[in-house]
N, C-alpha and C. Protein backbone atom coordinates (compact mmCIF):
# COMPACT_ATOMS: atom_id res chain seq x y z
N UNK A 1 22.39 -12.50 -0.20
CA UNK A 1 21.30 -11.80 -0.87
C UNK A 1 21.85 -10.57 -1.59
N UNK A 2 21.38 -10.36 -2.77
CA UNK A 2 21.78 -9.17 -3.51
C UNK A 2 20.79 -8.05 -3.24
N UNK A 3 21.18 -6.86 -3.63
CA UNK A 3 20.28 -5.72 -3.42
C UNK A 3 19.03 -5.84 -4.28
N UNK A 4 19.09 -6.60 -5.38
CA UNK A 4 17.91 -6.79 -6.21
C UNK A 4 16.75 -7.38 -5.41
N UNK A 5 17.06 -8.21 -4.42
CA UNK A 5 16.03 -8.89 -3.64
C UNK A 5 15.12 -7.93 -2.89
N UNK A 6 15.54 -6.72 -2.72
CA UNK A 6 14.76 -5.75 -1.94
C UNK A 6 14.08 -4.70 -2.81
N UNK A 7 14.14 -4.84 -4.13
CA UNK A 7 13.58 -3.81 -5.00
C UNK A 7 12.08 -3.60 -4.80
N UNK A 8 11.32 -4.67 -4.73
CA UNK A 8 9.87 -4.55 -4.57
C UNK A 8 9.54 -3.89 -3.24
N UNK A 9 10.19 -4.33 -2.16
CA UNK A 9 9.92 -3.75 -0.85
C UNK A 9 10.37 -2.29 -0.79
N UNK A 10 11.47 -1.98 -1.45
CA UNK A 10 11.93 -0.58 -1.49
C UNK A 10 10.93 0.30 -2.25
N UNK A 11 10.36 -0.21 -3.31
CA UNK A 11 9.35 0.53 -4.06
C UNK A 11 8.12 0.81 -3.19
N UNK A 12 7.67 -0.18 -2.47
CA UNK A 12 6.52 -0.02 -1.58
C UNK A 12 6.84 1.00 -0.48
N UNK A 13 8.02 0.87 0.11
CA UNK A 13 8.45 1.82 1.14
C UNK A 13 8.53 3.23 0.57
N UNK A 14 9.03 3.34 -0.65
CA UNK A 14 9.09 4.65 -1.31
C UNK A 14 7.72 5.29 -1.49
N UNK A 15 6.74 4.48 -1.83
CA UNK A 15 5.36 4.99 -1.95
C UNK A 15 4.87 5.54 -0.62
N UNK A 16 5.14 4.82 0.46
CA UNK A 16 4.72 5.28 1.78
C UNK A 16 5.45 6.56 2.18
N UNK A 17 6.74 6.62 1.91
CA UNK A 17 7.53 7.81 2.25
C UNK A 17 7.08 9.01 1.42
N UNK A 18 6.79 8.79 0.15
CA UNK A 18 6.36 9.88 -0.73
C UNK A 18 5.03 10.49 -0.31
N UNK A 19 4.15 9.66 0.26
CA UNK A 19 2.84 10.19 0.66
C UNK A 19 2.78 10.60 2.13
N UNK A 20 3.80 10.31 2.90
CA UNK A 20 3.81 10.66 4.32
C UNK A 20 3.63 12.16 4.56
N UNK A 21 4.25 13.04 3.78
CA UNK A 21 4.04 14.47 4.01
C UNK A 21 2.57 14.91 3.87
N UNK A 22 1.79 14.15 3.13
CA UNK A 22 0.38 14.50 2.99
C UNK A 22 -0.33 14.46 4.34
N UNK A 23 0.12 13.59 5.22
CA UNK A 23 -0.46 13.47 6.56
C UNK A 23 -0.08 14.67 7.42
N UNK A 24 1.18 15.04 7.40
CA UNK A 24 1.67 16.02 8.35
C UNK A 24 1.73 17.44 7.80
N UNK A 25 1.98 17.61 6.52
CA UNK A 25 2.08 18.95 5.94
C UNK A 25 0.71 19.46 5.51
N UNK A 26 -0.04 18.63 4.81
CA UNK A 26 -1.35 19.05 4.30
C UNK A 26 -2.46 18.76 5.29
N UNK A 27 -2.27 17.79 6.15
CA UNK A 27 -3.26 17.48 7.18
C UNK A 27 -4.31 16.48 6.75
N UNK A 28 -3.90 15.47 6.01
CA UNK A 28 -4.86 14.46 5.53
C UNK A 28 -5.52 13.70 6.67
N UNK A 29 -4.83 13.54 7.78
CA UNK A 29 -5.35 12.90 8.99
C UNK A 29 -5.81 11.45 8.79
N UNK A 30 -5.11 10.74 7.95
CA UNK A 30 -5.44 9.32 7.72
C UNK A 30 -4.90 8.46 8.84
N UNK A 31 -3.67 8.72 9.26
CA UNK A 31 -3.05 7.92 10.32
C UNK A 31 -3.74 8.14 11.66
N UNK A 32 -4.41 9.24 11.80
CA UNK A 32 -5.13 9.52 13.05
C UNK A 32 -6.52 8.89 13.08
N UNK A 33 -6.93 8.32 11.96
CA UNK A 33 -8.23 7.67 11.85
C UNK A 33 -8.02 6.20 11.48
N UNK A 34 -7.50 5.46 12.43
CA UNK A 34 -7.15 4.07 12.18
C UNK A 34 -8.28 3.21 11.67
N UNK A 35 -9.46 3.39 12.21
CA UNK A 35 -10.61 2.58 11.78
C UNK A 35 -10.93 2.84 10.31
N UNK A 36 -10.86 4.10 9.91
CA UNK A 36 -11.14 4.45 8.52
C UNK A 36 -10.08 3.86 7.59
N UNK A 37 -8.83 3.92 8.01
CA UNK A 37 -7.75 3.33 7.22
C UNK A 37 -7.96 1.82 7.07
N UNK A 38 -8.37 1.18 8.15
CA UNK A 38 -8.64 -0.26 8.08
C UNK A 38 -9.75 -0.59 7.09
N UNK A 39 -10.76 0.28 7.03
CA UNK A 39 -11.86 0.07 6.08
C UNK A 39 -11.35 0.14 4.64
N UNK A 40 -10.28 0.87 4.41
CA UNK A 40 -9.70 0.95 3.07
C UNK A 40 -8.76 -0.22 2.79
N UNK A 41 -8.08 -0.69 3.81
CA UNK A 41 -7.04 -1.70 3.63
C UNK A 41 -7.58 -3.13 3.67
N UNK A 42 -8.40 -3.44 4.65
CA UNK A 42 -8.82 -4.83 4.88
C UNK A 42 -9.53 -5.46 3.68
N UNK A 43 -10.49 -4.79 3.04
CA UNK A 43 -11.13 -5.44 1.88
C UNK A 43 -10.14 -5.73 0.74
N UNK A 44 -9.23 -4.80 0.49
CA UNK A 44 -8.23 -5.00 -0.56
C UNK A 44 -7.32 -6.17 -0.20
N UNK A 45 -6.85 -6.18 1.03
CA UNK A 45 -5.98 -7.25 1.50
C UNK A 45 -6.68 -8.60 1.44
N UNK A 46 -7.93 -8.64 1.84
CA UNK A 46 -8.68 -9.91 1.85
C UNK A 46 -8.94 -10.41 0.43
N UNK A 47 -9.50 -9.57 -0.41
CA UNK A 47 -9.87 -10.00 -1.76
C UNK A 47 -8.64 -10.33 -2.60
N UNK A 48 -7.70 -9.41 -2.66
CA UNK A 48 -6.55 -9.64 -3.52
C UNK A 48 -5.55 -10.61 -2.90
N UNK A 49 -5.53 -10.71 -1.59
CA UNK A 49 -4.69 -11.72 -0.94
C UNK A 49 -5.15 -13.12 -1.30
N UNK A 50 -6.46 -13.34 -1.24
CA UNK A 50 -7.02 -14.64 -1.62
C UNK A 50 -6.81 -14.88 -3.12
N UNK A 51 -7.04 -13.84 -3.91
CA UNK A 51 -6.84 -13.94 -5.36
C UNK A 51 -5.40 -14.37 -5.67
N UNK A 52 -4.44 -13.68 -5.06
CA UNK A 52 -3.03 -14.04 -5.28
C UNK A 52 -2.73 -15.46 -4.81
N UNK A 53 -3.24 -15.82 -3.65
CA UNK A 53 -3.00 -17.16 -3.11
C UNK A 53 -3.49 -18.21 -4.09
N UNK A 54 -4.69 -18.02 -4.63
CA UNK A 54 -5.24 -18.98 -5.60
C UNK A 54 -4.40 -19.00 -6.87
N UNK A 55 -4.09 -17.83 -7.40
CA UNK A 55 -3.34 -17.75 -8.66
C UNK A 55 -1.93 -18.33 -8.52
N UNK A 56 -1.27 -18.05 -7.40
CA UNK A 56 0.07 -18.59 -7.17
C UNK A 56 0.00 -20.10 -6.98
N UNK A 57 -0.97 -20.56 -6.21
CA UNK A 57 -1.12 -21.99 -5.96
C UNK A 57 -1.38 -22.77 -7.24
N UNK A 58 -2.12 -22.17 -8.16
CA UNK A 58 -2.42 -22.83 -9.43
C UNK A 58 -1.30 -22.70 -10.45
N UNK A 59 -0.33 -21.85 -10.16
CA UNK A 59 0.75 -21.63 -11.11
C UNK A 59 0.43 -20.59 -12.17
N UNK A 60 -0.71 -19.89 -12.01
CA UNK A 60 -1.11 -18.86 -12.97
C UNK A 60 -0.37 -17.54 -12.76
N UNK A 61 0.20 -17.35 -11.57
CA UNK A 61 0.84 -16.09 -11.21
C UNK A 61 2.09 -16.42 -10.42
N UNK A 62 3.14 -15.69 -10.63
CA UNK A 62 4.37 -15.92 -9.89
C UNK A 62 5.15 -14.62 -9.79
N UNK A 63 6.16 -14.65 -8.98
CA UNK A 63 7.02 -13.49 -8.76
C UNK A 63 8.45 -13.90 -9.01
N UNK A 64 9.21 -13.03 -9.65
CA UNK A 64 10.62 -13.32 -9.93
C UNK A 64 11.37 -13.33 -8.60
N UNK A 65 11.91 -14.47 -8.25
CA UNK A 65 12.62 -14.63 -6.98
C UNK A 65 13.76 -13.64 -6.83
N UNK A 66 14.32 -13.22 -7.94
CA UNK A 66 15.44 -12.26 -7.92
C UNK A 66 15.07 -10.96 -7.21
N UNK A 67 13.80 -10.56 -7.30
CA UNK A 67 13.36 -9.27 -6.75
C UNK A 67 12.59 -9.41 -5.44
N UNK A 68 12.56 -10.59 -4.87
CA UNK A 68 11.77 -10.84 -3.66
C UNK A 68 12.69 -11.24 -2.52
N UNK A 69 12.27 -10.94 -1.30
CA UNK A 69 13.08 -11.26 -0.12
C UNK A 69 13.12 -12.76 0.17
N UNK A 70 12.12 -13.48 -0.30
CA UNK A 70 12.03 -14.91 -0.01
C UNK A 70 11.12 -15.21 1.17
N UNK A 71 10.68 -14.18 1.89
CA UNK A 71 9.76 -14.36 3.01
C UNK A 71 8.35 -14.47 2.43
N UNK A 72 7.65 -15.50 2.86
CA UNK A 72 6.28 -15.73 2.36
C UNK A 72 5.33 -16.00 3.51
N UNK A 73 4.09 -15.67 3.27
CA UNK A 73 3.00 -16.08 4.16
C UNK A 73 2.22 -17.10 3.34
N UNK A 74 2.43 -18.34 3.67
CA UNK A 74 1.90 -19.41 2.81
C UNK A 74 2.67 -19.37 1.50
N UNK A 75 1.95 -19.15 0.41
CA UNK A 75 2.60 -19.05 -0.90
C UNK A 75 2.77 -17.61 -1.36
N UNK A 76 2.18 -16.67 -0.61
CA UNK A 76 2.18 -15.26 -1.02
C UNK A 76 3.40 -14.54 -0.44
N UNK A 77 4.20 -13.90 -1.29
CA UNK A 77 5.36 -13.16 -0.80
C UNK A 77 4.95 -12.01 0.12
N UNK A 78 5.76 -11.76 1.13
CA UNK A 78 5.46 -10.69 2.09
C UNK A 78 5.37 -9.33 1.40
N UNK A 79 6.13 -9.17 0.32
CA UNK A 79 6.07 -7.90 -0.42
C UNK A 79 4.69 -7.67 -1.02
N UNK A 80 4.05 -8.72 -1.46
CA UNK A 80 2.72 -8.59 -2.04
C UNK A 80 1.71 -8.21 -0.97
N UNK A 81 1.85 -8.75 0.20
CA UNK A 81 0.97 -8.38 1.31
C UNK A 81 1.21 -6.92 1.68
N UNK A 82 2.48 -6.52 1.74
CA UNK A 82 2.81 -5.12 2.02
C UNK A 82 2.21 -4.20 0.96
N UNK A 83 2.23 -4.64 -0.29
CA UNK A 83 1.64 -3.87 -1.38
C UNK A 83 0.16 -3.64 -1.14
N UNK A 84 -0.55 -4.68 -0.72
CA UNK A 84 -1.99 -4.57 -0.49
C UNK A 84 -2.33 -3.73 0.72
N UNK A 85 -1.38 -3.48 1.57
CA UNK A 85 -1.57 -2.57 2.71
C UNK A 85 -1.17 -1.15 2.31
N UNK A 86 -0.02 -1.01 1.67
CA UNK A 86 0.54 0.30 1.38
C UNK A 86 -0.24 1.07 0.32
N UNK A 87 -0.63 0.43 -0.75
CA UNK A 87 -1.26 1.16 -1.85
C UNK A 87 -2.63 1.73 -1.47
N UNK A 88 -3.51 0.98 -0.80
CA UNK A 88 -4.75 1.62 -0.36
C UNK A 88 -4.49 2.78 0.62
N UNK A 89 -3.49 2.62 1.47
CA UNK A 89 -3.14 3.68 2.41
C UNK A 89 -2.65 4.92 1.67
N UNK A 90 -1.79 4.72 0.69
CA UNK A 90 -1.30 5.84 -0.11
C UNK A 90 -2.44 6.51 -0.89
N UNK A 91 -3.34 5.70 -1.42
CA UNK A 91 -4.49 6.24 -2.15
C UNK A 91 -5.39 7.06 -1.23
N UNK A 92 -5.63 6.55 -0.03
CA UNK A 92 -6.46 7.27 0.92
C UNK A 92 -5.78 8.57 1.35
N UNK A 93 -4.48 8.54 1.57
CA UNK A 93 -3.74 9.76 1.91
C UNK A 93 -3.86 10.78 0.79
N UNK A 94 -3.70 10.34 -0.44
CA UNK A 94 -3.80 11.25 -1.58
C UNK A 94 -5.20 11.83 -1.70
N UNK A 95 -6.20 10.99 -1.57
CA UNK A 95 -7.59 11.45 -1.65
C UNK A 95 -7.88 12.49 -0.58
N UNK A 96 -7.50 12.21 0.65
CA UNK A 96 -7.76 13.13 1.75
C UNK A 96 -6.97 14.43 1.60
N UNK A 97 -5.76 14.34 1.09
CA UNK A 97 -4.97 15.56 0.88
C UNK A 97 -5.61 16.45 -0.18
N UNK A 98 -6.07 15.85 -1.26
CA UNK A 98 -6.76 16.63 -2.30
C UNK A 98 -8.02 17.25 -1.72
N UNK A 99 -8.74 16.49 -0.93
CA UNK A 99 -9.96 17.02 -0.31
C UNK A 99 -9.65 18.19 0.62
N UNK A 100 -8.57 18.10 1.38
CA UNK A 100 -8.17 19.20 2.27
C UNK A 100 -7.81 20.45 1.48
N UNK A 101 -7.05 20.27 0.43
CA UNK A 101 -6.63 21.41 -0.40
C UNK A 101 -7.84 22.05 -1.06
N UNK A 102 -8.74 21.26 -1.60
CA UNK A 102 -9.94 21.81 -2.24
C UNK A 102 -10.83 22.53 -1.23
N UNK A 103 -10.92 22.01 -0.02
CA UNK A 103 -11.71 22.66 1.01
C UNK A 103 -11.10 24.02 1.38
N UNK A 104 -9.78 24.08 1.45
CA UNK A 104 -9.11 25.37 1.74
C UNK A 104 -9.34 26.37 0.62
N UNK A 105 -9.25 25.90 -0.60
CA UNK A 105 -9.48 26.79 -1.75
C UNK A 105 -10.91 27.32 -1.73
N UNK A 106 -11.87 26.43 -1.45
CA UNK A 106 -13.28 26.83 -1.40
C UNK A 106 -13.55 27.82 -0.29
N UNK A 107 -12.89 27.64 0.84
CA UNK A 107 -13.12 28.56 1.97
C UNK A 107 -12.46 29.91 1.76
N UNK A 108 -11.42 29.96 0.94
CA UNK A 108 -10.76 31.23 0.62
C UNK A 108 -11.50 32.01 -0.45
N UNK A 109 -12.33 31.33 -1.23
CA UNK A 109 -13.02 31.98 -2.35
C UNK A 109 -14.20 32.80 -1.91
């Protein structure tokens, strides 16, 4: 396997690492509210997971094998599933961090 095979997964991991300080430095508290995080992740994973499965099965959508690990769940690459978990989580972290910062600014004013 070449290092190209891990580019997509590395990008997803980078997104998670980049937003991790929002939890601990700013206090977004997303990881401490598992149920709330699931409410953000599960609908995205379900809808877009099925969408990808249908599109890949029909040949309407595909992924360049060069950039994928080769691990699949059915026809859907594991990286795509990780994407549908990581991006809503990163978005929720960002949203909560902005909300925390704005609340601090409002309380100082």
